[in-house]
Amino acid sequence: MNEPAPVGTVGTPWEVIVERGKIREFARAMQSENSAYEGPDAIVPPTFLITAGQWAPPGARVDVGFDRARLLHGEQEYIFHGPLPRAGDHLTAREKVVDRFEKPGKRGGVMRFAVVATEFRTGDGELVAEARATFIETAPREKKEKSA
């Protein structure tokens, strides 16, 4: 397990090119036939930005330090600051740890939480959208002692 990144930790920016074909594939995977997701001026479905993490180079994303075997994705929120991104847009994505907290687990132990915000900006630095993800590390299971 890695050392947890503290609140304020910022990752390295990476380029996100909004591709027409990827918009169409995503919309089809959602079983959407909305014509807004087709053609040369296609807009992204609101949850499309989750795919941006697939294009991040190694080491660009923040590491919240959780054990992947106990990791849950708790919540996802998208905030748009204008029109939805569309095919052909070139954005820059960058993650930041914005909150960390703990809660007692229902089965004992402590659950750890980390909230990571990803900002999406134009080449001019204009904030287009934000994605906020809450990650949860469940408490480790207690080992039962074997009886003789």
N, C-alpha and C. Protein backbone atom coordinates (compact mmCIF):
# COMPACT_ATOMS: atom_id res chain seq x y z
N MET A 1 0.84 -1.17 0.00
CA MET A 1 0.00 0.00 0.00
C MET A 1 0.89 1.24 0.00
N ASN A 2 0.55 2.21 -0.81
CA ASN A 2 1.32 3.44 -0.92
C ASN A 2 0.92 4.43 0.18
N GLU A 3 1.80 5.38 0.41
CA GLU A 3 1.52 6.46 1.36
C GLU A 3 0.37 7.30 0.78
N PRO A 4 -0.65 7.62 1.59
CA PRO A 4 -1.78 8.39 1.05
C PRO A 4 -1.37 9.81 0.65
N ALA A 5 -1.88 10.23 -0.51
CA ALA A 5 -1.64 11.60 -0.97
C ALA A 5 -2.50 12.54 -0.13
N PRO A 6 -1.92 13.56 0.47
CA PRO A 6 -2.70 14.48 1.31
C PRO A 6 -3.61 15.39 0.48
N VAL A 7 -4.58 15.99 1.16
CA VAL A 7 -5.44 16.98 0.52
C VAL A 7 -4.56 18.06 -0.10
N GLY A 8 -4.88 18.44 -1.32
CA GLY A 8 -4.10 19.44 -2.04
C GLY A 8 -3.12 18.85 -3.04
N THR A 9 -2.88 17.53 -2.96
CA THR A 9 -1.98 16.89 -3.92
C THR A 9 -2.57 17.02 -5.32
N VAL A 10 -1.73 17.44 -6.27
CA VAL A 10 -2.18 17.66 -7.64
C VAL A 10 -1.38 16.74 -8.57
N GLY A 11 -2.08 16.11 -9.49
CA GLY A 11 -1.43 15.25 -10.47
C GLY A 11 -0.88 16.06 -11.63
N THR A 12 -0.27 15.37 -12.57
CA THR A 12 0.29 15.99 -13.77
C THR A 12 -0.81 16.11 -14.82
N PRO A 13 -0.91 17.25 -15.50
CA PRO A 13 -1.95 17.39 -16.53
C PRO A 13 -1.71 16.45 -17.71
N TRP A 14 -2.82 16.04 -18.35
CA TRP A 14 -2.72 15.24 -19.57
C TRP A 14 -3.77 15.68 -20.58
N GLU A 15 -3.47 15.38 -21.83
CA GLU A 15 -4.34 15.80 -22.93
C GLU A 15 -5.50 14.82 -23.11
N VAL A 16 -6.69 15.39 -23.32
CA VAL A 16 -7.88 14.60 -23.62
C VAL A 16 -8.44 15.14 -24.94
N ILE A 17 -8.37 14.32 -25.97
CA ILE A 17 -8.94 14.69 -27.27
C ILE A 17 -10.30 14.02 -27.36
N VAL A 18 -11.35 14.81 -27.49
CA VAL A 18 -12.71 14.28 -27.55
C VAL A 18 -12.95 13.78 -28.98
N GLU A 19 -13.00 12.47 -29.12
CA GLU A 19 -13.12 11.85 -30.43
C GLU A 19 -14.56 11.46 -30.75
N ARG A 20 -14.98 11.77 -31.95
CA ARG A 20 -16.33 11.49 -32.43
C ARG A 20 -16.68 9.99 -32.30
N GLY A 21 -15.76 9.13 -32.71
CA GLY A 21 -16.02 7.69 -32.63
C GLY A 21 -16.17 7.19 -31.21
N LYS A 22 -15.38 7.75 -30.30
CA LYS A 22 -15.47 7.34 -28.90
C LYS A 22 -16.79 7.80 -28.27
N ILE A 23 -17.26 8.98 -28.68
CA ILE A 23 -18.57 9.45 -28.20
C ILE A 23 -19.64 8.46 -28.64
N ARG A 24 -19.59 8.08 -29.90
CA ARG A 24 -20.59 7.14 -30.45
C ARG A 24 -20.53 5.80 -29.73
N GLU A 25 -19.32 5.27 -29.52
CA GLU A 25 -19.16 3.99 -28.82
C GLU A 25 -19.73 4.08 -27.40
N PHE A 26 -19.44 5.17 -26.71
CA PHE A 26 -19.91 5.34 -25.35
C PHE A 26 -21.44 5.41 -25.33
N ALA A 27 -22.02 6.18 -26.24
CA ALA A 27 -23.48 6.31 -26.31
C ALA A 27 -24.12 4.96 -26.60
N ARG A 28 -23.54 4.19 -27.49
CA ARG A 28 -24.09 2.86 -27.79
C ARG A 28 -23.98 1.94 -26.59
N ALA A 29 -22.88 2.03 -25.85
CA ALA A 29 -22.73 1.21 -24.65
C ALA A 29 -23.80 1.56 -23.62
N MET A 30 -24.24 2.83 -23.64
CA MET A 30 -25.33 3.28 -22.75
C MET A 30 -26.70 2.94 -23.33
N GLN A 31 -26.71 2.36 -24.52
CA GLN A 31 -27.93 2.03 -25.24
C GLN A 31 -28.75 3.28 -25.56
N SER A 32 -28.04 4.36 -25.86
CA SER A 32 -28.70 5.61 -26.22
C SER A 32 -28.74 5.77 -27.73
N GLU A 33 -29.86 6.22 -28.22
CA GLU A 33 -30.01 6.52 -29.65
C GLU A 33 -30.16 8.02 -29.87
N ASN A 34 -29.75 8.81 -28.89
CA ASN A 34 -29.85 10.27 -28.97
C ASN A 34 -28.98 10.77 -30.12
N SER A 35 -29.57 11.46 -31.05
CA SER A 35 -28.84 11.95 -32.23
C SER A 35 -27.79 13.00 -31.88
N ALA A 36 -27.87 13.60 -30.70
CA ALA A 36 -26.86 14.58 -30.27
C ALA A 36 -25.48 13.94 -30.12
N TYR A 37 -25.44 12.60 -29.98
CA TYR A 37 -24.19 11.88 -29.80
C TYR A 37 -23.64 11.34 -31.11
N GLU A 38 -24.17 11.81 -32.23
CA GLU A 38 -23.77 11.35 -33.56
C GLU A 38 -23.27 12.52 -34.39
N GLY A 39 -22.45 12.22 -35.36
CA GLY A 39 -22.05 13.21 -36.35
C GLY A 39 -20.84 14.04 -35.95
N PRO A 40 -20.42 14.93 -36.85
CA PRO A 40 -19.18 15.69 -36.64
C PRO A 40 -19.26 16.69 -35.49
N ASP A 41 -20.46 17.11 -35.09
CA ASP A 41 -20.61 18.06 -33.97
C ASP A 41 -21.18 17.38 -32.73
N ALA A 42 -20.98 16.07 -32.60
CA ALA A 42 -21.54 15.32 -31.48
C ALA A 42 -21.08 15.90 -30.15
N ILE A 43 -22.02 15.97 -29.21
CA ILE A 43 -21.67 16.35 -27.84
C ILE A 43 -21.43 15.07 -27.03
N VAL A 44 -20.74 15.21 -25.92
CA VAL A 44 -20.48 14.03 -25.09
C VAL A 44 -21.68 13.74 -24.20
N PRO A 45 -21.98 12.47 -23.96
CA PRO A 45 -22.94 12.15 -22.90
C PRO A 45 -22.36 12.66 -21.57
N PRO A 46 -23.19 13.10 -20.65
CA PRO A 46 -22.68 13.71 -19.41
C PRO A 46 -21.67 12.87 -18.63
N THR A 47 -21.75 11.55 -18.69
CA THR A 47 -20.80 10.71 -17.94
C THR A 47 -19.59 10.29 -18.77
N PHE A 48 -19.48 10.76 -20.00
CA PHE A 48 -18.39 10.39 -20.90
C PHE A 48 -17.00 10.70 -20.34
N LEU A 49 -16.89 11.75 -19.56
CA LEU A 49 -15.58 12.18 -19.07
C LEU A 49 -14.89 11.15 -18.18
N ILE A 50 -15.64 10.14 -17.71
CA ILE A 50 -15.02 9.08 -16.93
C ILE A 50 -13.94 8.37 -17.75
N THR A 51 -14.07 8.40 -19.08
CA THR A 51 -13.11 7.72 -19.94
C THR A 51 -11.77 8.45 -20.01
N ALA A 52 -11.71 9.68 -19.59
CA ALA A 52 -10.47 10.47 -19.69
C ALA A 52 -9.31 9.82 -18.95
N GLY A 53 -9.61 9.13 -17.87
CA GLY A 53 -8.56 8.48 -17.10
C GLY A 53 -7.82 7.42 -17.91
N GLN A 54 -8.47 6.87 -18.93
CA GLN A 54 -7.84 5.85 -19.78
C GLN A 54 -6.69 6.43 -20.60
N TRP A 55 -6.70 7.74 -20.79
CA TRP A 55 -5.69 8.38 -21.63
C TRP A 55 -4.58 9.04 -20.82
N ALA A 56 -4.67 8.96 -19.51
CA ALA A 56 -3.64 9.57 -18.67
C ALA A 56 -2.35 8.76 -18.76
N PRO A 57 -1.22 9.41 -18.97
CA PRO A 57 0.05 8.68 -19.01
C PRO A 57 0.39 8.16 -17.61
N PRO A 58 1.23 7.13 -17.53
CA PRO A 58 1.62 6.59 -16.23
C PRO A 58 2.14 7.69 -15.30
N GLY A 59 1.66 7.68 -14.07
CA GLY A 59 2.11 8.63 -13.06
C GLY A 59 1.40 9.97 -13.06
N ALA A 60 0.51 10.22 -14.03
CA ALA A 60 -0.17 11.52 -14.10
C ALA A 60 -1.29 11.63 -13.06
N ARG A 61 -1.93 10.52 -12.77
CA ARG A 61 -3.08 10.55 -11.85
C ARG A 61 -2.60 10.51 -10.40
N VAL A 62 -3.36 11.11 -9.51
CA VAL A 62 -2.99 11.08 -8.10
C VAL A 62 -3.22 9.69 -7.53
N ASP A 63 -2.38 9.31 -6.60
CA ASP A 63 -2.48 8.01 -5.95
C ASP A 63 -2.98 8.25 -4.53
N VAL A 64 -4.20 7.79 -4.25
CA VAL A 64 -4.77 8.03 -2.93
C VAL A 64 -4.24 7.06 -1.88
N GLY A 65 -3.43 6.07 -2.31
CA GLY A 65 -2.75 5.19 -1.37
C GLY A 65 -3.62 4.09 -0.79
N PHE A 66 -4.72 3.76 -1.45
CA PHE A 66 -5.61 2.72 -0.93
C PHE A 66 -5.21 1.35 -1.48
N ASP A 67 -5.49 0.32 -0.69
CA ASP A 67 -5.28 -1.06 -1.10
C ASP A 67 -6.36 -1.41 -2.13
N ARG A 68 -5.94 -1.71 -3.35
CA ARG A 68 -6.89 -1.96 -4.45
C ARG A 68 -7.82 -3.13 -4.16
N ALA A 69 -7.39 -4.09 -3.34
CA ALA A 69 -8.24 -5.23 -3.01
C ALA A 69 -9.42 -4.82 -2.13
N ARG A 70 -9.32 -3.65 -1.50
CA ARG A 70 -10.39 -3.17 -0.61
C ARG A 70 -11.01 -1.87 -1.12
N LEU A 71 -10.78 -1.55 -2.39
CA LEU A 71 -11.20 -0.27 -2.96
C LEU A 71 -12.61 -0.34 -3.54
N LEU A 72 -13.40 0.66 -3.21
CA LEU A 72 -14.74 0.82 -3.77
C LEU A 72 -14.84 2.21 -4.40
N HIS A 73 -15.64 2.32 -5.45
CA HIS A 73 -15.94 3.62 -6.05
C HIS A 73 -17.28 4.03 -5.47
N GLY A 74 -17.28 5.04 -4.59
CA GLY A 74 -18.47 5.37 -3.83
C GLY A 74 -19.43 6.33 -4.49
N GLU A 75 -18.93 7.30 -5.22
CA GLU A 75 -19.79 8.33 -5.78
C GLU A 75 -19.07 8.99 -6.94
N GLN A 76 -19.84 9.48 -7.91
CA GLN A 76 -19.27 10.20 -9.05
C GLN A 76 -20.22 11.34 -9.38
N GLU A 77 -19.66 12.52 -9.58
CA GLU A 77 -20.46 13.71 -9.88
C GLU A 77 -19.77 14.47 -11.01
N TYR A 78 -20.58 15.04 -11.92
CA TYR A 78 -20.05 15.86 -13.01
C TYR A 78 -20.67 17.24 -12.94
N ILE A 79 -19.83 18.24 -13.11
CA ILE A 79 -20.27 19.64 -13.10
C ILE A 79 -19.78 20.27 -14.40
N PHE A 80 -20.71 20.83 -15.16
CA PHE A 80 -20.35 21.47 -16.41
C PHE A 80 -20.51 22.98 -16.27
N HIS A 81 -19.54 23.72 -16.76
CA HIS A 81 -19.51 25.18 -16.62
C HIS A 81 -19.85 25.87 -17.94
N GLY A 82 -20.70 25.26 -18.72
CA GLY A 82 -21.10 25.78 -20.02
C GLY A 82 -21.57 24.63 -20.86
N PRO A 83 -21.53 24.77 -22.18
CA PRO A 83 -21.97 23.69 -23.05
C PRO A 83 -21.12 22.43 -22.85
N LEU A 84 -21.73 21.28 -23.12
CA LEU A 84 -21.01 20.02 -23.02
C LEU A 84 -19.86 20.00 -24.04
N PRO A 85 -18.75 19.37 -23.69
CA PRO A 85 -17.69 19.20 -24.69
C PRO A 85 -18.23 18.46 -25.91
N ARG A 86 -17.58 18.70 -27.05
CA ARG A 86 -18.05 18.07 -28.29
C ARG A 86 -16.88 17.51 -29.07
N ALA A 87 -17.23 16.72 -30.06
CA ALA A 87 -16.21 16.08 -30.90
C ALA A 87 -15.23 17.13 -31.42
N GLY A 88 -13.96 16.80 -31.33
CA GLY A 88 -12.91 17.69 -31.80
C GLY A 88 -12.31 18.58 -30.73
N ASP A 89 -12.95 18.68 -29.56
CA ASP A 89 -12.39 19.49 -28.48
C ASP A 89 -11.09 18.88 -27.97
N HIS A 90 -10.14 19.74 -27.65
CA HIS A 90 -8.89 19.33 -27.02
C HIS A 90 -8.90 19.93 -25.61
N LEU A 91 -8.91 19.06 -24.62
CA LEU A 91 -8.97 19.49 -23.23
C LEU A 91 -7.72 19.03 -22.49
N THR A 92 -7.46 19.68 -21.38
CA THR A 92 -6.41 19.25 -20.48
C THR A 92 -7.08 18.84 -19.18
N ALA A 93 -6.77 17.64 -18.72
CA ALA A 93 -7.32 17.11 -17.47
C ALA A 93 -6.23 17.13 -16.40
N ARG A 94 -6.67 17.36 -15.16
CA ARG A 94 -5.73 17.35 -14.04
C ARG A 94 -6.50 17.00 -12.77
N GLU A 95 -5.96 16.05 -12.01
CA GLU A 95 -6.62 15.61 -10.78
C GLU A 95 -6.05 16.31 -9.55
N LYS A 96 -6.90 16.41 -8.53
CA LYS A 96 -6.48 16.99 -7.26
C LYS A 96 -7.25 16.30 -6.14
N VAL A 97 -6.54 15.95 -5.06
CA VAL A 97 -7.20 15.40 -3.87
C VAL A 97 -7.82 16.57 -3.12
N VAL A 98 -9.15 16.56 -2.98
CA VAL A 98 -9.84 17.69 -2.36
C VAL A 98 -10.38 17.39 -0.97
N ASP A 99 -10.44 16.11 -0.59
CA ASP A 99 -10.92 15.80 0.76
C ASP A 99 -10.49 14.38 1.12
N ARG A 100 -10.32 14.17 2.41
CA ARG A 100 -10.02 12.85 2.99
C ARG A 100 -10.72 12.79 4.33
N PHE A 101 -11.32 11.64 4.62
CA PHE A 101 -11.94 11.47 5.94
C PHE A 101 -12.10 9.98 6.22
N GLU A 102 -12.46 9.68 7.45
CA GLU A 102 -12.65 8.29 7.88
C GLU A 102 -14.00 8.15 8.56
N LYS A 103 -14.53 6.92 8.51
CA LYS A 103 -15.77 6.59 9.22
C LYS A 103 -15.63 5.17 9.75
N PRO A 104 -16.33 4.88 10.87
CA PRO A 104 -16.29 3.50 11.35
C PRO A 104 -17.01 2.58 10.36
N GLY A 105 -16.43 1.41 10.11
CA GLY A 105 -17.06 0.43 9.23
C GLY A 105 -18.17 -0.31 9.96
N LYS A 106 -19.19 -0.73 9.23
CA LYS A 106 -20.31 -1.44 9.85
C LYS A 106 -19.90 -2.80 10.40
N ARG A 107 -18.83 -3.37 9.85
CA ARG A 107 -18.34 -4.67 10.32
C ARG A 107 -17.09 -4.50 11.17
N GLY A 108 -16.90 -3.31 11.72
CA GLY A 108 -15.72 -3.04 12.52
C GLY A 108 -14.63 -2.38 11.69
N GLY A 109 -13.64 -1.87 12.35
CA GLY A 109 -12.54 -1.22 11.66
C GLY A 109 -12.92 0.16 11.14
N VAL A 110 -12.03 0.73 10.37
CA VAL A 110 -12.21 2.09 9.86
C VAL A 110 -12.23 2.07 8.34
N MET A 111 -13.19 2.77 7.76
CA MET A 111 -13.23 2.97 6.30
C MET A 111 -12.60 4.32 6.01
N ARG A 112 -11.71 4.35 5.01
CA ARG A 112 -11.08 5.61 4.62
C ARG A 112 -11.68 6.09 3.31
N PHE A 113 -11.85 7.41 3.19
CA PHE A 113 -12.44 8.02 2.00
C PHE A 113 -11.47 9.05 1.43
N ALA A 114 -11.47 9.16 0.11
CA ALA A 114 -10.71 10.20 -0.58
C ALA A 114 -11.59 10.74 -1.71
N VAL A 115 -11.68 12.06 -1.80
CA VAL A 115 -12.43 12.71 -2.88
C VAL A 115 -11.41 13.33 -3.83
N VAL A 116 -11.50 12.94 -5.10
CA VAL A 116 -10.58 13.43 -6.12
C VAL A 116 -11.39 14.19 -7.17
N ALA A 117 -10.99 15.43 -7.43
CA ALA A 117 -11.64 16.26 -8.45
C ALA A 117 -10.74 16.30 -9.67
N THR A 118 -11.33 16.09 -10.84
CA THR A 118 -10.60 16.22 -12.09
C THR A 118 -11.16 17.43 -12.82
N GLU A 119 -10.29 18.39 -13.12
CA GLU A 119 -10.71 19.57 -13.89
C GLU A 119 -10.38 19.35 -15.35
N PHE A 120 -11.28 19.79 -16.21
CA PHE A 120 -11.09 19.73 -17.66
C PHE A 120 -11.10 21.16 -18.17
N ARG A 121 -9.99 21.57 -18.79
CA ARG A 121 -9.84 22.94 -19.27
C ARG A 121 -9.51 22.98 -20.75
N THR A 122 -9.88 24.09 -21.39
CA THR A 122 -9.52 24.32 -22.79
C THR A 122 -8.05 24.73 -22.85
N GLY A 123 -7.53 24.85 -24.05
CA GLY A 123 -6.16 25.32 -24.24
C GLY A 123 -5.94 26.72 -23.70
N ASP A 124 -7.01 27.52 -23.61
CA ASP A 124 -6.93 28.88 -23.06
C ASP A 124 -7.05 28.89 -21.53
N GLY A 125 -7.21 27.72 -20.93
CA GLY A 125 -7.33 27.63 -19.48
C GLY A 125 -8.74 27.76 -18.95
N GLU A 126 -9.73 27.85 -19.83
CA GLU A 126 -11.13 27.97 -19.39
C GLU A 126 -11.61 26.64 -18.82
N LEU A 127 -12.19 26.68 -17.61
CA LEU A 127 -12.73 25.49 -16.96
C LEU A 127 -14.03 25.08 -17.66
N VAL A 128 -14.04 23.90 -18.24
CA VAL A 128 -15.19 23.39 -18.99
C VAL A 128 -16.04 22.48 -18.12
N ALA A 129 -15.37 21.60 -17.36
CA ALA A 129 -16.09 20.61 -16.57
C ALA A 129 -15.23 20.13 -15.42
N GLU A 130 -15.90 19.57 -14.42
CA GLU A 130 -15.23 18.94 -13.29
C GLU A 130 -15.89 17.59 -13.05
N ALA A 131 -15.08 16.62 -12.70
CA ALA A 131 -15.58 15.31 -12.27
C ALA A 131 -15.08 15.11 -10.85
N ARG A 132 -15.98 14.74 -9.94
CA ARG A 132 -15.61 14.50 -8.55
C ARG A 132 -15.93 13.05 -8.22
N ALA A 133 -14.90 12.31 -7.81
CA ALA A 133 -15.05 10.89 -7.49
C ALA A 133 -14.71 10.67 -6.02
N THR A 134 -15.52 9.86 -5.36
CA THR A 134 -15.25 9.47 -3.99
C THR A 134 -14.80 8.02 -3.99
N PHE A 135 -13.60 7.79 -3.47
CA PHE A 135 -13.04 6.45 -3.37
C PHE A 135 -13.08 6.02 -1.91
N ILE A 136 -13.37 4.74 -1.68
CA ILE A 136 -13.51 4.20 -0.33
C ILE A 136 -12.60 2.99 -0.19
N GLU A 137 -11.84 2.99 0.89
CA GLU A 137 -11.07 1.80 1.24
C GLU A 137 -11.77 1.17 2.43
N THR A 138 -12.29 -0.05 2.23
CA THR A 138 -12.98 -0.73 3.32
C THR A 138 -11.98 -1.16 4.38
N ALA A 139 -12.49 -1.39 5.58
CA ALA A 139 -11.63 -1.84 6.68
C ALA A 139 -11.11 -3.24 6.38
N PRO A 140 -9.89 -3.53 6.78
CA PRO A 140 -9.37 -4.89 6.56
C PRO A 140 -10.17 -5.89 7.39
N ARG A 141 -10.36 -7.07 6.83
CA ARG A 141 -11.06 -8.12 7.58
C ARG A 141 -10.15 -8.61 8.70
N GLU A 142 -10.79 -8.82 9.83
CA GLU A 142 -10.02 -9.33 10.96
C GLU A 142 -9.75 -10.81 10.73
N LYS A 143 -8.53 -11.21 11.01
CA LYS A 143 -8.15 -12.63 10.86
C LYS A 143 -8.66 -13.39 12.06
N LYS A 144 -9.36 -14.50 11.78
CA LYS A 144 -9.85 -15.34 12.87
C LYS A 144 -8.75 -16.31 13.28
N GLU A 145 -8.60 -16.44 14.57
CA GLU A 145 -7.58 -17.37 15.07
C GLU A 145 -8.12 -18.79 14.95
N LYS A 146 -7.26 -19.71 14.55
CA LYS A 146 -7.64 -21.11 14.45
C LYS A 146 -7.64 -21.73 15.83
N SER A 147 -8.68 -22.50 16.11
CA SER A 147 -8.72 -23.17 17.41
C SER A 147 -8.06 -24.54 17.30
N ALA A 148 -7.48 -24.97 18.41
CA ALA A 148 -6.73 -26.23 18.40
C ALA A 148 -7.64 -27.39 18.61
